[in-house]
Amino acid sequence: MSKNTSTIYASAARTATPTAVTKRVDRWRGCVVTIDVTAISATPSVTPKIEGVTSSGAVYAILTGAAITATGQTALKVYPGITAAANVAVSDVLPQTIKVTLTHGDTDSITYSVDLVLID
């Protein structure tokens, strides 16, 4: 099994939803999106989402994670045949293009990075 790793968002303190990142994943069948929260201020909340993008540009939900409110790592997994778990893993194949979004619930500061591992 081969894999390809890239950074979606470099580590930084954020107080608002950053621009969603659209990524061509072509032949890759699945992925792991890892959110690493290293610092928080007050009571931040950020909700990760992996979406598919059709050839016409329409967007549809693949996996939405639970709101993240504390430091630590969270991994979202998409791969055909894995055991599904609410807000964590889904058994599905990736479309040609995906979109990764982290939606902020308030303006409290949260420092995080997001990495993408594509798996064939």
PDB file of N, CA and C in Angstrom:
ATOM      1  N   MET A   1       0.851  -1.171   0.000  1.00  0.00           N
ATOM      2  CA  MET A   1       0.000   0.000   0.000  1.00  0.00           C
ATOM      3  C   MET A   1       0.898   1.235   0.000  1.00  0.00           C
ATOM      4  N   SER A   2       0.723   2.102  -0.981  1.00  0.00           N
ATOM      5  CA  SER A   2       1.519   3.330  -1.011  1.00  0.00           C
ATOM      6  C   SER A   2       0.690   4.492  -0.486  1.00  0.00           C
ATOM      7  N   LYS A   3       1.390   5.562  -0.117  1.00  0.00           N
ATOM      8  CA  LYS A   3       0.709   6.736   0.404  1.00  0.00           C
ATOM      9  C   LYS A   3       1.448   8.004   0.002  1.00  0.00           C
ATOM     10  N   ASN A   4       0.757   9.120   0.134  1.00  0.00           N
ATOM     11  CA  ASN A   4       1.262  10.424  -0.242  1.00  0.00           C
ATOM     12  C   ASN A   4       0.798  11.399   0.838  1.00  0.00           C
ATOM     13  N   THR A   5       1.715  12.167   1.416  1.00  0.00           N
ATOM     14  CA  THR A   5       1.379  13.074   2.509  1.00  0.00           C
ATOM     15  C   THR A   5       1.561  14.528   2.093  1.00  0.00           C
ATOM     16  N   SER A   6       0.630  15.389   2.535  1.00  0.00           N
ATOM     17  CA  SER A   6       0.765  16.823   2.281  1.00  0.00           C
ATOM     18  C   SER A   6       0.136  17.607   3.429  1.00  0.00           C
ATOM     19  N   THR A   7       0.530  18.870   3.547  1.00  0.00           N
ATOM     20  CA  THR A   7      -0.018  19.749   4.574  1.00  0.00           C
ATOM     21  C   THR A   7      -1.162  20.550   3.974  1.00  0.00           C
ATOM     22  N   ILE A   8      -2.310  20.496   4.643  1.00  0.00           N
ATOM     23  CA  ILE A   8      -3.476  21.272   4.216  1.00  0.00           C
ATOM     24  C   ILE A   8      -3.407  22.672   4.839  1.00  0.00           C
ATOM     25  N   TYR A   9      -3.177  22.719   6.147  1.00  0.00           N
ATOM     26  CA  TYR A   9      -2.990  23.983   6.859  1.00  0.00           C
ATOM     27  C   TYR A   9      -1.757  23.848   7.744  1.00  0.00           C
ATOM     28  N   ALA A  10      -0.808  24.761   7.590  1.00  0.00           N
ATOM     29  CA  ALA A  10       0.364  24.780   8.469  1.00  0.00           C
ATOM     30  C   ALA A  10      -0.077  25.230   9.856  1.00  0.00           C
ATOM     31  N   SER A  11       0.702  24.888  10.867  1.00  0.00           N
ATOM     32  CA  SER A  11       0.366  25.255  12.238  1.00  0.00           C
ATOM     33  C   SER A  11       0.311  26.775  12.383  1.00  0.00           C
ATOM     34  N   ALA A  12      -0.810  27.254  12.925  1.00  0.00           N
ATOM     35  CA  ALA A  12      -0.997  28.688  13.160  1.00  0.00           C
ATOM     36  C   ALA A  12      -2.169  28.880  14.106  1.00  0.00           C
ATOM     37  N   ALA A  13      -2.143  29.995  14.827  1.00  0.00           N
ATOM     38  CA  ALA A  13      -3.282  30.365  15.669  1.00  0.00           C
ATOM     39  C   ALA A  13      -4.332  30.988  14.763  1.00  0.00           C
ATOM     40  N   ARG A  14      -5.571  30.516  14.884  1.00  0.00           N
ATOM     41  CA  ARG A  14      -6.653  31.019  14.040  1.00  0.00           C
ATOM     42  C   ARG A  14      -7.849  31.387  14.907  1.00  0.00           C
ATOM     43  N   THR A  15      -8.576  32.428  14.473  1.00  0.00           N
ATOM     44  CA  THR A  15      -9.776  32.867  15.182  1.00  0.00           C
ATOM     45  C   THR A  15     -11.001  32.863  14.283  1.00  0.00           C
ATOM     46  N   ALA A  16     -10.835  32.449  13.032  1.00  0.00           N
ATOM     47  CA  ALA A  16     -11.946  32.404  12.082  1.00  0.00           C
ATOM     48  C   ALA A  16     -11.711  31.266  11.094  1.00  0.00           C
ATOM     49  N   THR A  17     -12.760  30.843  10.437  1.00  0.00           N
ATOM     50  CA  THR A  17     -12.688  29.760   9.461  1.00  0.00           C
ATOM     51  C   THR A  17     -11.730  30.129   8.328  1.00  0.00           C
ATOM     52  N   PRO A  18     -10.685  29.324   8.105  1.00  0.00           N
ATOM     53  CA  PRO A  18      -9.782  29.609   6.984  1.00  0.00           C
ATOM     54  C   PRO A  18     -10.434  29.190   5.658  1.00  0.00           C
ATOM     55  N   THR A  19      -9.890  29.679   4.571  1.00  0.00           N
ATOM     56  CA  THR A  19     -10.384  29.296   3.249  1.00  0.00           C
ATOM     57  C   THR A  19     -10.259  27.784   3.081  1.00  0.00           C
ATOM     58  N   ALA A  20     -11.328  27.154   2.613  1.00  0.00           N
ATOM     59  CA  ALA A  20     -11.316  25.703   2.392  1.00  0.00           C
ATOM     60  C   ALA A  20     -10.249  25.358   1.357  1.00  0.00           C
ATOM     61  N   VAL A  21      -9.638  24.194   1.511  1.00  0.00           N
ATOM     62  CA  VAL A  21      -8.603  23.740   0.589  1.00  0.00           C
ATOM     63  C   VAL A  21      -9.176  22.637  -0.290  1.00  0.00           C
ATOM     64  N   THR A  22      -9.101  22.860  -1.599  1.00  0.00           N
ATOM     65  CA  THR A  22      -9.543  21.866  -2.571  1.00  0.00           C
ATOM     66  C   THR A  22      -8.312  21.152  -3.100  1.00  0.00           C
ATOM     67  N   LYS A  23      -8.381  19.835  -3.136  1.00  0.00           N
ATOM     68  CA  LYS A  23      -7.207  19.030  -3.502  1.00  0.00           C
ATOM     69  C   LYS A  23      -7.614  17.947  -4.491  1.00  0.00           C
ATOM     70  N   ARG A  24      -6.878  17.856  -5.603  1.00  0.00           N
ATOM     71  CA  ARG A  24      -7.060  16.738  -6.541  1.00  0.00           C
ATOM     72  C   ARG A  24      -6.396  15.519  -5.954  1.00  0.00           C
ATOM     73  N   VAL A  25      -7.155  14.428  -5.889  1.00  0.00           N
ATOM     74  CA  VAL A  25      -6.611  13.211  -5.299  1.00  0.00           C
ATOM     75  C   VAL A  25      -6.546  12.080  -6.320  1.00  0.00           C
ATOM     76  N   ASP A  26      -6.997  12.344  -7.529  1.00  0.00           N
ATOM     77  CA  ASP A  26      -6.918  11.439  -8.676  1.00  0.00           C
ATOM     78  C   ASP A  26      -7.098   9.971  -8.340  1.00  0.00           C
ATOM     79  N   ARG A  27      -6.036   9.194  -8.379  1.00  0.00           N
ATOM     80  CA  ARG A  27      -6.135   7.745  -8.284  1.00  0.00           C
ATOM     81  C   ARG A  27      -6.202   7.200  -6.866  1.00  0.00           C
ATOM     82  N   TRP A  28      -6.057   8.045  -5.863  1.00  0.00           N
ATOM     83  CA  TRP A  28      -6.035   7.578  -4.479  1.00  0.00           C
ATOM     84  C   TRP A  28      -7.435   7.147  -4.055  1.00  0.00           C
ATOM     85  N   ARG A  29      -7.522   6.037  -3.318  1.00  0.00           N
ATOM     86  CA  ARG A  29      -8.813   5.480  -2.915  1.00  0.00           C
ATOM     87  C   ARG A  29      -9.319   6.013  -1.586  1.00  0.00           C
ATOM     88  N   GLY A  30      -8.403   6.364  -0.698  1.00  0.00           N
ATOM     89  CA  GLY A  30      -8.816   6.800   0.627  1.00  0.00           C
ATOM     90  C   GLY A  30      -7.865   7.819   1.202  1.00  0.00           C
ATOM     91  N   CYS A  31      -8.197   8.304   2.405  1.00  0.00           N
ATOM     92  CA  CYS A  31      -7.348   9.310   3.034  1.00  0.00           C
ATOM     93  C   CYS A  31      -7.524   9.316   4.541  1.00  0.00           C
ATOM     94  N   VAL A  32      -6.549   9.929   5.195  1.00  0.00           N
ATOM     95  CA  VAL A  32      -6.624  10.248   6.617  1.00  0.00           C
ATOM     96  C   VAL A  32      -6.315  11.734   6.731  1.00  0.00           C
ATOM     97  N   VAL A  33      -7.223  12.485   7.331  1.00  0.00           N
ATOM     98  CA  VAL A  33      -7.003  13.903   7.603  1.00  0.00           C
ATOM     99  C   VAL A  33      -6.763  14.014   9.102  1.00  0.00           C
ATOM    100  N   THR A  34      -5.574  14.526   9.477  1.00  0.00           N
ATOM    101  CA  THR A  34      -5.205  14.633  10.884  1.00  0.00           C
ATOM    102  C   THR A  34      -5.156  16.094  11.295  1.00  0.00           C
ATOM    103  N   ILE A  35      -5.900  16.423  12.337  1.00  0.00           N
ATOM    104  CA  ILE A  35      -5.910  17.770  12.893  1.00  0.00           C
ATOM    105  C   ILE A  35      -5.143  17.706  14.214  1.00  0.00           C
ATOM    106  N   ASP A  36      -4.092  18.520  14.332  1.00  0.00           N
ATOM    107  CA  ASP A  36      -3.254  18.527  15.537  1.00  0.00           C
ATOM    108  C   ASP A  36      -3.401  19.886  16.221  1.00  0.00           C
ATOM    109  N   VAL A  37      -4.173  19.918  17.298  1.00  0.00           N
ATOM    110  CA  VAL A  37      -4.403  21.152  18.050  1.00  0.00           C
ATOM    111  C   VAL A  37      -3.365  21.239  19.164  1.00  0.00           C
ATOM    112  N   THR A  38      -2.579  22.326  19.166  1.00  0.00           N
ATOM    113  CA  THR A  38      -1.492  22.462  20.136  1.00  0.00           C
ATOM    114  C   THR A  38      -1.725  23.545  21.178  1.00  0.00           C
ATOM    115  N   ALA A  39      -2.682  24.444  20.946  1.00  0.00           N
ATOM    116  CA  ALA A  39      -2.970  25.496  21.932  1.00  0.00           C
ATOM    117  C   ALA A  39      -4.383  26.017  21.734  1.00  0.00           C
ATOM    118  N   ILE A  40      -5.019  26.370  22.865  1.00  0.00           N
ATOM    119  CA  ILE A  40      -6.349  26.965  22.801  1.00  0.00           C
ATOM    120  C   ILE A  40      -6.408  28.154  23.740  1.00  0.00           C
ATOM    121  N   SER A  41      -7.343  29.057  23.465  1.00  0.00           N
ATOM    122  CA  SER A  41      -7.578  30.217  24.301  1.00  0.00           C
ATOM    123  C   SER A  41      -9.075  30.289  24.552  1.00  0.00           C
ATOM    124  N   ALA A  42      -9.482  30.329  25.802  1.00  0.00           N
ATOM    125  CA  ALA A  42     -10.896  30.369  26.193  1.00  0.00           C
ATOM    126  C   ALA A  42     -11.586  29.072  25.763  1.00  0.00           C
ATOM    127  N   THR A  43     -12.648  29.172  24.980  1.00  0.00           N
ATOM    128  CA  THR A  43     -13.431  27.979  24.617  1.00  0.00           C
ATOM    129  C   THR A  43     -13.644  27.892  23.102  1.00  0.00           C
ATOM    130  N   PRO A  44     -12.584  27.653  22.337  1.00  0.00           N
ATOM    131  CA  PRO A  44     -12.741  27.581  20.891  1.00  0.00           C
ATOM    132  C   PRO A  44     -13.462  26.301  20.466  1.00  0.00           C
ATOM    133  N   SER A  45     -13.956  26.325  19.243  1.00  0.00           N
ATOM    134  CA  SER A  45     -14.599  25.156  18.654  1.00  0.00           C
ATOM    135  C   SER A  45     -14.326  25.186  17.157  1.00  0.00           C
ATOM    136  N   VAL A  46     -13.847  24.064  16.620  1.00  0.00           N
ATOM    137  CA  VAL A  46     -13.602  23.969  15.180  1.00  0.00           C
ATOM    138  C   VAL A  46     -14.106  22.600  14.725  1.00  0.00           C
ATOM    139  N   THR A  47     -14.864  22.585  13.624  1.00  0.00           N
ATOM    140  CA  THR A  47     -15.449  21.348  13.115  1.00  0.00           C
ATOM    141  C   THR A  47     -14.839  21.014  11.756  1.00  0.00           C
ATOM    142  N   PRO A  48     -14.149  19.858  11.656  1.00  0.00           N
ATOM    143  CA  PRO A  48     -13.538  19.466  10.382  1.00  0.00           C
ATOM    144  C   PRO A  48     -14.542  18.760   9.468  1.00  0.00           C
ATOM    145  N   LYS A  49     -14.342  18.935   8.161  1.00  0.00           N
ATOM    146  CA  LYS A  49     -15.220  18.295   7.185  1.00  0.00           C
ATOM    147  C   LYS A  49     -14.423  17.922   5.941  1.00  0.00           C
ATOM    148  N   ILE A  50     -14.690  16.726   5.419  1.00  0.00           N
ATOM    149  CA  ILE A  50     -14.144  16.290   4.140  1.00  0.00           C
ATOM    150  C   ILE A  50     -15.323  16.208   3.184  1.00  0.00           C
ATOM    151  N   GLU A  51     -15.213  16.887   2.039  1.00  0.00           N
ATOM    152  CA  GLU A  51     -16.283  16.892   1.051  1.00  0.00           C
ATOM    153  C   GLU A  51     -15.764  16.417  -0.296  1.00  0.00           C
ATOM    154  N   GLY A  52     -16.645  15.879  -1.095  1.00  0.00           N
ATOM    155  CA  GLY A  52     -16.315  15.530  -2.460  1.00  0.00           C
ATOM    156  C   GLY A  52     -16.721  16.669  -3.375  1.00  0.00           C
ATOM    157  N   VAL A  53     -15.999  16.814  -4.475  1.00  0.00           N
ATOM    158  CA  VAL A  53     -16.311  17.844  -5.469  1.00  0.00           C
ATOM    159  C   VAL A  53     -16.536  17.134  -6.803  1.00  0.00           C
ATOM    160  N   THR A  54     -17.707  17.356  -7.403  1.00  0.00           N
ATOM    161  CA  THR A  54     -18.022  16.710  -8.674  1.00  0.00           C
ATOM    162  C   THR A  54     -17.350  17.453  -9.828  1.00  0.00           C
ATOM    163  N   SER A  55     -17.399  16.860 -11.017  1.00  0.00           N
ATOM    164  CA  SER A  55     -16.794  17.502 -12.193  1.00  0.00           C
ATOM    165  C   SER A  55     -17.476  18.824 -12.536  1.00  0.00           C
ATOM    166  N   SER A  56     -18.732  19.002 -12.112  1.00  0.00           N
ATOM    167  CA  SER A  56     -19.433  20.265 -12.377  1.00  0.00           C
ATOM    168  C   SER A  56     -19.197  21.296 -11.278  1.00  0.00           C
ATOM    169  N   GLY A  57     -18.452  20.898 -10.212  1.00  0.00           N
ATOM    170  CA  GLY A  57     -18.153  21.828  -9.127  1.00  0.00           C
ATOM    171  C   GLY A  57     -19.086  21.715  -7.936  1.00  0.00           C
ATOM    172  N   ALA A  58     -20.091  20.851  -8.021  1.00  0.00           N
ATOM    173  CA  ALA A  58     -20.985  20.655  -6.882  1.00  0.00           C
ATOM    174  C   ALA A  58     -20.222  19.973  -5.748  1.00  0.00           C
ATOM    175  N   VAL A  59     -20.587  20.295  -4.518  1.00  0.00           N
ATOM    176  CA  VAL A  59     -19.901  19.771  -3.345  1.00  0.00           C
ATOM    177  C   VAL A  59     -20.879  18.924  -2.527  1.00  0.00           C
ATOM    178  N   TYR A  60     -20.403  17.777  -2.023  1.00  0.00           N
ATOM    179  CA  TYR A  60     -21.244  16.925  -1.185  1.00  0.00           C
ATOM    180  C   TYR A  60     -20.428  16.411  -0.003  1.00  0.00           C
ATOM    181  N   ALA A  61     -21.091  16.177   1.110  1.00  0.00           N
ATOM    182  CA  ALA A  61     -20.420  15.742   2.334  1.00  0.00           C
ATOM    183  C   ALA A  61     -19.975  14.291   2.234  1.00  0.00           C
ATOM    184  N   ILE A  62     -18.740  14.025   2.644  1.00  0.00           N
ATOM    185  CA  ILE A  62     -18.232  12.662   2.785  1.00  0.00           C
ATOM    186  C   ILE A  62     -18.170  12.322   4.270  1.00  0.00           C
ATOM    187  N   LEU A  63     -17.529  13.201   5.070  1.00  0.00           N
ATOM    188  CA  LEU A  63     -17.386  12.952   6.502  1.00  0.00           C
ATOM    189  C   LEU A  63     -17.248  14.278   7.238  1.00  0.00           C
ATOM    190  N   THR A  64     -18.063  14.455   8.269  1.00  0.00           N
ATOM    191  CA  THR A  64     -17.971  15.623   9.138  1.00  0.00           C
ATOM    192  C   THR A  64     -17.586  15.134  10.529  1.00  0.00           C
ATOM    193  N   GLY A  65     -16.504  15.678  11.053  1.00  0.00           N
ATOM    194  CA  GLY A  65     -16.042  15.290  12.374  1.00  0.00           C
ATOM    195  C   GLY A  65     -16.806  16.014  13.466  1.00  0.00           C
ATOM    196  N   ALA A  66     -16.620  15.572  14.693  1.00  0.00           N
ATOM    197  CA  ALA A  66     -17.194  16.252  15.853  1.00  0.00           C
ATOM    198  C   ALA A  66     -16.410  17.540  16.111  1.00  0.00           C
ATOM    199  N   ALA A  67     -17.059  18.496  16.751  1.00  0.00           N
ATOM    200  CA  ALA A  67     -16.389  19.752  17.092  1.00  0.00           C
ATOM    201  C   ALA A  67     -15.182  19.471  17.988  1.00  0.00           C
ATOM    202  N   ILE A  68     -14.072  20.110  17.670  1.00  0.00           N
ATOM    203  CA  ILE A  68     -12.835  19.969  18.443  1.00  0.00           C
ATOM    204  C   ILE A  68     -12.739  21.167  19.372  1.00  0.00           C
ATOM    205  N   THR A  69     -12.574  20.896  20.680  1.00  0.00           N
ATOM    206  CA  THR A  69     -12.566  21.974  21.669  1.00  0.00           C
ATOM    207  C   THR A  69     -11.361  21.927  22.617  1.00  0.00           C
ATOM    208  N   ALA A  70     -10.438  20.989  22.381  1.00  0.00           N
ATOM    209  CA  ALA A  70      -9.290  20.843  23.279  1.00  0.00           C
ATOM    210  C   ALA A  70      -8.044  20.490  22.479  1.00  0.00           C
ATOM    211  N   THR A  71      -6.881  20.556  23.120  1.00  0.00           N
ATOM    212  CA  THR A  71      -5.640  20.177  22.452  1.00  0.00           C
ATOM    213  C   THR A  71      -5.609  18.660  22.237  1.00  0.00           C
ATOM    214  N   GLY A  72      -4.811  18.239  21.258  1.00  0.00           N
ATOM    215  CA  GLY A  72      -4.674  16.824  20.940  1.00  0.00           C
ATOM    216  C   GLY A  72      -4.840  16.582  19.450  1.00  0.00           C
ATOM    217  N   GLN A  73      -4.791  15.321  19.055  1.00  0.00           N
ATOM    218  CA  GLN A  73      -4.929  14.959  17.649  1.00  0.00           C
ATOM    219  C   GLN A  73      -6.277  14.315  17.378  1.00  0.00           C
ATOM    220  N   THR A  74      -6.827  14.649  16.218  1.00  0.00           N
ATOM    221  CA  THR A  74      -8.069  14.056  15.736  1.00  0.00           C
ATOM    222  C   THR A  74      -7.804  13.569  14.327  1.00  0.00           C
ATOM    223  N   ALA A  75      -8.221  12.341  14.013  1.00  0.00           N
ATOM    224  CA  ALA A  75      -8.027  11.792  12.672  1.00  0.00           C
ATOM    225  C   ALA A  75      -9.381  11.421  12.076  1.00  0.00           C
ATOM    226  N   LEU A  76      -9.609  11.869  10.850  1.00  0.00           N
ATOM    227  CA  LEU A  76     -10.796  11.492  10.077  1.00  0.00           C
ATOM    228  C   LEU A  76     -10.330  10.547   8.984  1.00  0.00           C
ATOM    229  N   LYS A  77     -11.020   9.409   8.821  1.00  0.00           N
ATOM    230  CA  LYS A  77     -10.572   8.382   7.882  1.00  0.00           C
ATOM    231  C   LYS A  77     -11.660   8.052   6.868  1.00  0.00           C
ATOM    232  N   VAL A  78     -11.241   7.997   5.600  1.00  0.00           N
ATOM    233  CA  VAL A  78     -12.119   7.599   4.502  1.00  0.00           C
ATOM    234  C   VAL A  78     -11.389   6.515   3.724  1.00  0.00           C
ATOM    235  N   TYR A  79     -11.991   5.322   3.647  1.00  0.00           N
ATOM    236  CA  TYR A  79     -11.375   4.240   2.885  1.00  0.00           C
ATOM    237  C   TYR A  79     -12.420   3.153   2.665  1.00  0.00           C
ATOM    238  N   PRO A  80     -12.456   2.582   1.460  1.00  0.00           N
ATOM    239  CA  PRO A  80     -13.441   1.532   1.208  1.00  0.00           C
ATOM    240  C   PRO A  80     -13.191   0.295   2.076  1.00  0.00           C
ATOM    241  N   GLY A  81     -14.240  -0.151   2.758  1.00  0.00           N
ATOM    242  CA  GLY A  81     -14.140  -1.370   3.551  1.00  0.00           C
ATOM    243  C   GLY A  81     -13.795  -1.186   5.013  1.00  0.00           C
ATOM    244  N   ILE A  82     -13.406   0.045   5.445  1.00  0.00           N
ATOM    245  CA  ILE A  82     -13.102   0.211   6.868  1.00  0.00           C
ATOM    246  C   ILE A  82     -14.411   0.259   7.652  1.00  0.00           C
ATOM    247  N   THR A  83     -14.313  -0.003   8.938  1.00  0.00           N
ATOM    248  CA  THR A  83     -15.487   0.048   9.801  1.00  0.00           C
ATOM    249  C   THR A  83     -15.886   1.500  10.019  1.00  0.00           C
ATOM    250  N   ALA A  84     -17.125   1.816   9.702  1.00  0.00           N
ATOM    251  CA  ALA A  84     -17.621   3.182   9.874  1.00  0.00           C
ATOM    252  C   ALA A  84     -17.797   3.493  11.360  1.00  0.00           C
ATOM    253  N   ALA A  85     -17.504   4.732  11.725  1.00  0.00           N
ATOM    254  CA  ALA A  85     -17.699   5.223  13.088  1.00  0.00           C
ATOM    255  C   ALA A  85     -18.149   6.674  12.978  1.00  0.00           C
ATOM    256  N   ALA A  86     -19.238   7.005  13.626  1.00  0.00           N
ATOM    257  CA  ALA A  86     -19.801   8.348  13.536  1.00  0.00           C
ATOM    258  C   ALA A  86     -18.752   9.414  13.805  1.00  0.00           C
ATOM    259  N   ASN A  87     -18.661  10.397  12.909  1.00  0.00           N
ATOM    260  CA  ASN A  87     -17.769  11.556  13.038  1.00  0.00           C
ATOM    261  C   ASN A  87     -16.291  11.227  12.986  1.00  0.00           C
ATOM    262  N   VAL A  88     -15.911   9.960  12.646  1.00  0.00           N
ATOM    263  CA  VAL A  88     -14.507   9.562  12.665  1.00  0.00           C
ATOM    264  C   VAL A  88     -14.087   8.827  11.396  1.00  0.00           C
ATOM    265  N   ALA A  89     -14.907   7.897  10.930  1.00  0.00           N
ATOM    266  CA  ALA A  89     -14.513   7.062   9.790  1.00  0.00           C
ATOM    267  C   ALA A  89     -15.721   6.709   8.931  1.00  0.00           C
ATOM    268  N   VAL A  90     -15.481   6.623   7.623  1.00  0.00           N
ATOM    269  CA  VAL A  90     -16.533   6.248   6.687  1.00  0.00           C
ATOM    270  C   VAL A  90     -15.945   5.309   5.630  1.00  0.00           C
ATOM    271  N   SER A  91     -16.714   4.284   5.288  1.00  0.00           N
ATOM    272  CA  SER A  91     -16.310   3.344   4.233  1.00  0.00           C
ATOM    273  C   SER A  91     -16.792   3.910   2.909  1.00  0.00           C
ATOM    274  N   ASP A  92     -15.873   4.491   2.152  1.00  0.00           N
ATOM    275  CA  ASP A  92     -16.207   5.146   0.886  1.00  0.00           C
ATOM    276  C   ASP A  92     -14.926   5.288   0.076  1.00  0.00           C
ATOM    277  N   VAL A  93     -15.070   5.506  -1.220  1.00  0.00           N
ATOM    278  CA  VAL A  93     -13.920   5.827  -2.056  1.00  0.00           C
ATOM    279  C   VAL A  93     -13.890   7.334  -2.275  1.00  0.00           C
ATOM    280  N   LEU A  94     -12.712   7.868  -2.506  1.00  0.00           N
ATOM    281  CA  LEU A  94     -12.584   9.296  -2.764  1.00  0.00           C
ATOM    282  C   LEU A  94     -12.941   9.624  -4.205  1.00  0.00           C
ATOM    283  N   PRO A  95     -13.606  10.754  -4.417  1.00  0.00           N
ATOM    284  CA  PRO A  95     -13.795  11.231  -5.782  1.00  0.00           C
ATOM    285  C   PRO A  95     -12.472  11.806  -6.293  1.00  0.00           C
ATOM    286  N   GLN A  96     -12.445  12.292  -7.494  1.00  0.00           N
ATOM    287  CA  GLN A  96     -11.219  12.836  -8.074  1.00  0.00           C
ATOM    288  C   GLN A  96     -10.721  14.068  -7.323  1.00  0.00           C
ATOM    289  N   THR A  97     -11.651  14.842  -6.742  1.00  0.00           N
ATOM    290  CA  THR A  97     -11.289  16.063  -6.020  1.00  0.00           C
ATOM    291  C   THR A  97     -12.017  16.096  -4.679  1.00  0.00           C
ATOM    292  N   ILE A  98     -11.285  16.488  -3.624  1.00  0.00           N
ATOM    293  CA  ILE A  98     -11.903  16.658  -2.313  1.00  0.00           C
ATOM    294  C   ILE A  98     -11.677  18.084  -1.815  1.00  0.00           C
ATOM    295  N   LYS A  99     -12.463  18.448  -0.831  1.00  0.00           N
ATOM    296  CA  LYS A  99     -12.359  19.764  -0.205  1.00  0.00           C
ATOM    297  C   LYS A  99     -12.300  19.535   1.303  1.00  0.00           C
ATOM    298  N   VAL A 100     -11.330  20.164   1.969  1.00  0.00           N
ATOM    299  CA  VAL A 100     -11.190  20.053   3.421  1.00  0.00           C
ATOM    300  C   VAL A 100     -11.472  21.424   4.028  1.00  0.00           C
ATOM    301  N   THR A 101     -12.409  21.438   4.994  1.00  0.00           N
ATOM    302  CA  THR A 101     -12.812  22.681   5.639  1.00  0.00           C
ATOM    303  C   THR A 101     -12.755  22.513   7.146  1.00  0.00           C
ATOM    304  N   LEU A 102     -12.291  23.531   7.857  1.00  0.00           N
ATOM    305  CA  LEU A 102     -12.373  23.567   9.315  1.00  0.00           C
ATOM    306  C   LEU A 102     -13.181  24.808   9.688  1.00  0.00           C
ATOM    307  N   THR A 103     -14.395  24.587  10.154  1.00  0.00           N
ATOM    308  CA  THR A 103     -15.320  25.677  10.454  1.00  0.00           C
ATOM    309  C   THR A 103     -15.226  26.059  11.923  1.00  0.00           C
ATOM    310  N   HIS A 104     -14.927  27.327  12.164  1.00  0.00           N
ATOM    311  CA  HIS A 104     -14.808  27.832  13.531  1.00  0.00           C
ATOM    312  C   HIS A 104     -16.183  28.184  14.086  1.00  0.00           C
ATOM    313  N   GLY A 105     -16.422  27.806  15.356  1.00  0.00           N
ATOM    314  CA  GLY A 105     -17.700  28.072  15.998  1.00  0.00           C
ATOM    315  C   GLY A 105     -17.745  29.413  16.704  1.00  0.00           C
ATOM    316  N   ASP A 106     -16.571  30.016  16.941  1.00  0.00           N
ATOM    317  CA  ASP A 106     -16.494  31.321  17.591  1.00  0.00           C
ATOM    318  C   ASP A 106     -15.159  31.967  17.231  1.00  0.00           C
ATOM    319  N   THR A 107     -14.826  33.070  17.890  1.00  0.00           N
ATOM    320  CA  THR A 107     -13.587  33.787  17.558  1.00  0.00           C
ATOM    321  C   THR A 107     -12.473  33.555  18.578  1.00  0.00           C
ATOM    322  N   ASP A 108     -12.643  32.579  19.463  1.00  0.00           N
ATOM    323  CA  ASP A 108     -11.568  32.244  20.403  1.00  0.00           C
ATOM    324  C   ASP A 108     -10.424  31.601  19.628  1.00  0.00           C
ATOM    325  N   SER A 109      -9.198  31.882  20.038  1.00  0.00           N
ATOM    326  CA  SER A 109      -8.019  31.394  19.323  1.00  0.00           C
ATOM    327  C   SER A 109      -7.786  29.900  19.533  1.00  0.00           C
ATOM    328  N   ILE A 110      -7.461  29.221  18.438  1.00  0.00           N
ATOM    329  CA  ILE A 110      -7.104  27.810  18.473  1.00  0.00           C
ATOM    330  C   ILE A 110      -5.949  27.606  17.488  1.00  0.00           C
ATOM    331  N   THR A 111      -4.880  26.985  17.964  1.00  0.00           N
ATOM    332  CA  THR A 111      -3.700  26.753  17.136  1.00  0.00           C
ATOM    333  C   THR A 111      -3.725  25.308  16.660  1.00  0.00           C
ATOM    334  N   TYR A 112      -3.699  25.125  15.338  1.00  0.00           N
ATOM    335  CA  TYR A 112      -3.734  23.770  14.794  1.00  0.00           C
ATOM    336  C   TYR A 112      -3.052  23.695  13.437  1.00  0.00           C
ATOM    337  N   SER A 113      -2.702  22.458  13.084  1.00  0.00           N
ATOM    338  CA  SER A 113      -2.238  22.153  11.734  1.00  0.00           C
ATOM    339  C   SER A 113      -3.108  21.007  11.220  1.00  0.00           C
ATOM    340  N   VAL A 114      -3.167  20.881   9.896  1.00  0.00           N
ATOM    341  CA  VAL A 114      -3.953  19.804   9.290  1.00  0.00           C
ATOM    342  C   VAL A 114      -3.113  19.153   8.208  1.00  0.00           C
ATOM    343  N   ASP A 115      -2.967  17.826   8.298  1.00  0.00           N
ATOM    344  CA  ASP A 115      -2.228  17.055   7.298  1.00  0.00           C
ATOM    345  C   ASP A 115      -3.154  16.070   6.619  1.00  0.00           C
ATOM    346  N   LEU A 116      -2.821  15.753   5.372  1.00  0.00           N
ATOM    347  CA  LEU A 116      -3.590  14.815   4.561  1.00  0.00           C
ATOM    348  C   LEU A 116      -2.681  13.692   4.114  1.00  0.00           C
ATOM    349  N   VAL A 117      -3.098  12.459   4.372  1.00  0.00           N
ATOM    350  CA  VAL A 117      -2.389  11.287   3.871  1.00  0.00           C
ATOM    351  C   VAL A 117      -3.339  10.591   2.908  1.00  0.00           C
ATOM    352  N   LEU A 118      -2.900  10.450   1.656  1.00  0.00           N
ATOM    353  CA  LEU A 118      -3.690   9.754   0.641  1.00  0.00           C
ATOM    354  C   LEU A 118      -3.212   8.312   0.568  1.00  0.00           C
ATOM    355  N   ILE A 119      -4.150   7.374   0.456  1.00  0.00           N
ATOM    356  CA  ILE A 119      -3.837   5.956   0.483  1.00  0.00           C
ATOM    357  C   ILE A 119      -4.448   5.279  -0.729  1.00  0.00           C
ATOM    358  N   ASP A 120      -3.645   4.408  -1.393  1.00  0.00           N
ATOM    359  CA  ASP A 120      -4.204   3.718  -2.562  1.00  0.00           C
ATOM    360  C   ASP A 120      -4.827   2.392  -2.171  1.00  0.00           C
TER     361      ASP A 120
END
